[in-house]
Protein backbone atom coordinates (compact mmCIF):
# COMPACT_ATOMS: atom_id res chain seq x y z
CA UNK A 1 122.42 142.28 130.58
CA UNK A 2 120.54 140.30 127.67
CA UNK A 3 122.98 138.02 127.12
CA UNK A 4 124.10 137.42 131.06
CA UNK A 5 120.43 136.59 131.21
CA UNK A 6 120.99 133.78 127.65
CA UNK A 7 123.39 132.37 129.46
CA UNK A 8 122.38 131.97 133.26
CA UNK A 9 118.29 132.55 133.23
CA UNK A 10 119.12 132.93 136.90
CA UNK A 11 116.99 136.68 137.59
CA UNK A 12 119.06 136.97 140.90
CA UNK A 13 122.60 135.58 139.54
CA UNK A 14 121.71 138.35 136.83
CA UNK A 15 120.74 140.75 139.52
CA UNK A 16 123.86 140.15 141.33
CA UNK A 17 126.15 139.80 138.73
CA UNK A 18 125.06 143.12 137.23
CA UNK A 19 125.14 145.47 140.17
CA UNK A 20 128.63 144.12 140.72
CA UNK A 21 130.11 145.00 137.77
CA UNK A 22 128.16 148.29 137.78
CA UNK A 23 129.74 148.90 141.94
CA UNK A 24 133.38 147.52 140.69
CA UNK A 25 133.36 150.06 138.13
CA UNK A 26 133.17 153.11 140.72
CA UNK A 27 136.76 151.60 141.89
CA UNK A 28 138.41 154.14 139.24
CA UNK A 29 137.94 156.72 141.49
CA UNK A 30 140.96 155.16 143.44
CA UNK A 31 142.87 156.59 140.18
CA UNK A 32 142.05 159.89 140.73
CA UNK A 33 143.62 159.96 144.67
CA UNK A 34 140.46 159.51 146.87
CA UNK A 35 141.34 157.34 149.54
CA UNK A 36 140.52 153.93 149.36
CA UNK A 37 137.53 153.81 152.72
CA UNK A 38 135.76 156.38 150.64
CA UNK A 39 135.58 154.22 147.20
CA UNK A 40 134.81 151.15 149.05
CA UNK A 41 131.91 153.38 150.95
CA UNK A 42 131.31 154.37 147.14
CA UNK A 43 131.33 150.23 145.91
CA UNK A 44 129.36 149.08 148.35
CA UNK A 45 126.45 152.10 147.91
CA UNK A 46 127.15 151.42 144.27
CA UNK A 47 126.20 147.59 144.57
CA UNK A 48 122.71 148.69 146.06
CA UNK A 49 121.60 150.84 143.74
CA UNK A 50 122.20 148.92 141.35
CA UNK A 51 120.42 146.00 143.03
CA UNK A 52 117.98 149.07 142.68
CA UNK A 53 118.29 150.15 139.34
CA UNK A 54 118.33 146.88 137.60
CA UNK A 55 114.82 146.10 139.66
CA UNK A 56 113.31 149.12 137.71
CA UNK A 57 114.22 148.18 135.07
CA UNK A 58 112.61 145.00 135.02
CA UNK A 59 108.89 147.38 136.04
CA UNK A 60 109.86 149.93 133.83
CA UNK A 61 110.18 147.00 131.06
CA UNK A 62 113.71 148.74 129.44
CA UNK A 63 116.71 150.01 130.00
CA UNK A 64 116.52 153.14 129.45
CA UNK A 65 113.78 154.11 131.89
CA UNK A 66 116.53 153.17 135.11
CA UNK A 67 119.22 155.02 132.95
CA UNK A 68 116.55 158.12 133.19
CA UNK A 69 116.03 157.15 137.42
CA UNK A 70 120.09 157.36 137.37
CA UNK A 71 120.87 160.54 135.40
CA UNK A 72 118.20 161.86 137.90
CA UNK A 73 119.86 160.74 140.69
CA UNK A 74 123.09 161.78 140.76
CA UNK A 75 122.31 165.63 140.24
CA UNK A 76 120.25 165.42 143.67
CA UNK A 77 123.88 163.31 145.26
CA UNK A 78 125.88 166.18 144.10
CA UNK A 79 123.42 169.17 144.79
CA UNK A 80 123.61 167.36 148.45
CA UNK A 81 126.24 166.47 149.20
CA UNK A 82 129.64 167.38 146.55
CA UNK A 83 129.24 163.79 145.44
CA UNK A 84 128.30 160.66 145.77
CA UNK A 85 132.63 159.71 146.59
CA UNK A 86 132.92 163.11 148.49
CA UNK A 87 130.73 164.78 151.57
CA UNK A 88 131.71 168.88 151.43
CA UNK A 89 130.40 170.29 154.91
CA UNK A 90 131.70 173.88 156.15
CA UNK A 91 131.25 172.97 160.07
CA UNK A 92 127.99 172.83 161.07
CA UNK A 93 124.78 171.01 159.46
CA UNK A 94 122.52 171.44 156.48
CA UNK A 95 118.96 170.18 156.38
CA UNK A 96 119.37 169.21 152.86
CA UNK A 97 122.94 167.25 153.56
CA UNK A 98 121.09 165.89 156.49
CA UNK A 99 118.33 164.30 154.33
CA UNK A 100 120.37 163.10 152.07
CA UNK A 101 122.44 161.04 154.81
CA UNK A 102 118.63 160.05 156.25
CA UNK A 103 118.39 158.10 152.66
CA UNK A 104 121.83 156.80 152.18
CA UNK A 105 121.86 154.29 155.04
CA UNK A 106 117.73 152.75 154.40
CA UNK A 107 119.13 152.73 150.34
CA UNK A 108 122.01 151.33 151.08
CA UNK A 109 119.99 147.94 153.06
CA UNK A 110 117.06 148.27 150.21
CA UNK A 111 119.37 146.96 148.15
CA UNK A 112 120.52 144.10 149.85
CA UNK A 113 117.60 143.44 151.39
CA UNK A 114 115.31 143.50 147.69
CA UNK A 115 118.27 141.01 146.47
CA UNK A 116 117.36 138.36 148.74
CA UNK A 117 113.55 138.45 147.50
CA UNK A 118 114.43 137.94 143.76
CA UNK A 119 113.67 135.09 142.60
CA UNK A 120 112.54 132.97 139.45
CA UNK A 121 114.03 132.20 135.51
CA UNK A 122 113.24 134.96 133.28
CA UNK A 123 112.16 132.63 130.08
CA UNK A 124 113.44 133.05 127.26
CA UNK A 125 111.04 134.51 125.45
CA UNK A 126 111.67 137.51 128.46
CA UNK A 127 114.69 138.58 126.93
CA UNK A 128 115.34 141.47 125.46
CA UNK A 129 116.02 141.17 121.73
CA UNK A 130 119.00 142.85 120.17
CA UNK A 131 118.00 146.08 118.36
CA UNK A 132 114.45 146.06 120.64
CA UNK A 133 112.74 148.67 123.21
CA UNK A 134 112.35 146.05 126.00
CA UNK A 135 111.10 142.71 126.72
CA UNK A 136 108.12 140.89 124.39
CA UNK A 137 106.12 139.82 127.75
CA UNK A 138 106.64 140.86 131.65
CA UNK A 139 105.79 137.67 133.35
CA UNK A 140 108.58 135.60 135.48
CA UNK A 141 108.54 131.70 135.88
CA UNK A 142 108.97 130.75 139.55
């Protein structure tokens, strides 16, 4: 991400490209035999989730914070629905399953909406240097 920021400088470009790469990495699920529609939904979900993780990283100030949030999200998704990529039901509604469904679509919408509002350029002093825990400062140029 730091290299992308140095090259583009545009906050929106960095958020969109890093989220796109994150989303496309989930297309590997096609190789395990999952349906194309399931993988397509997963890619859309992962893109929106990637935007939220990008923003989390920017707010927290270091990548490990977003990684921890991601790590907490996967187990709760698996416990609720059997995985982001598949849905296991027993034929009747489950409270946890219903709650997960109520959160999924607003989460996707939130990711796309917040991407619209990302503005500005990242100053060179904000770019995380290799071997450091985070950016040197937390302001963004308008």
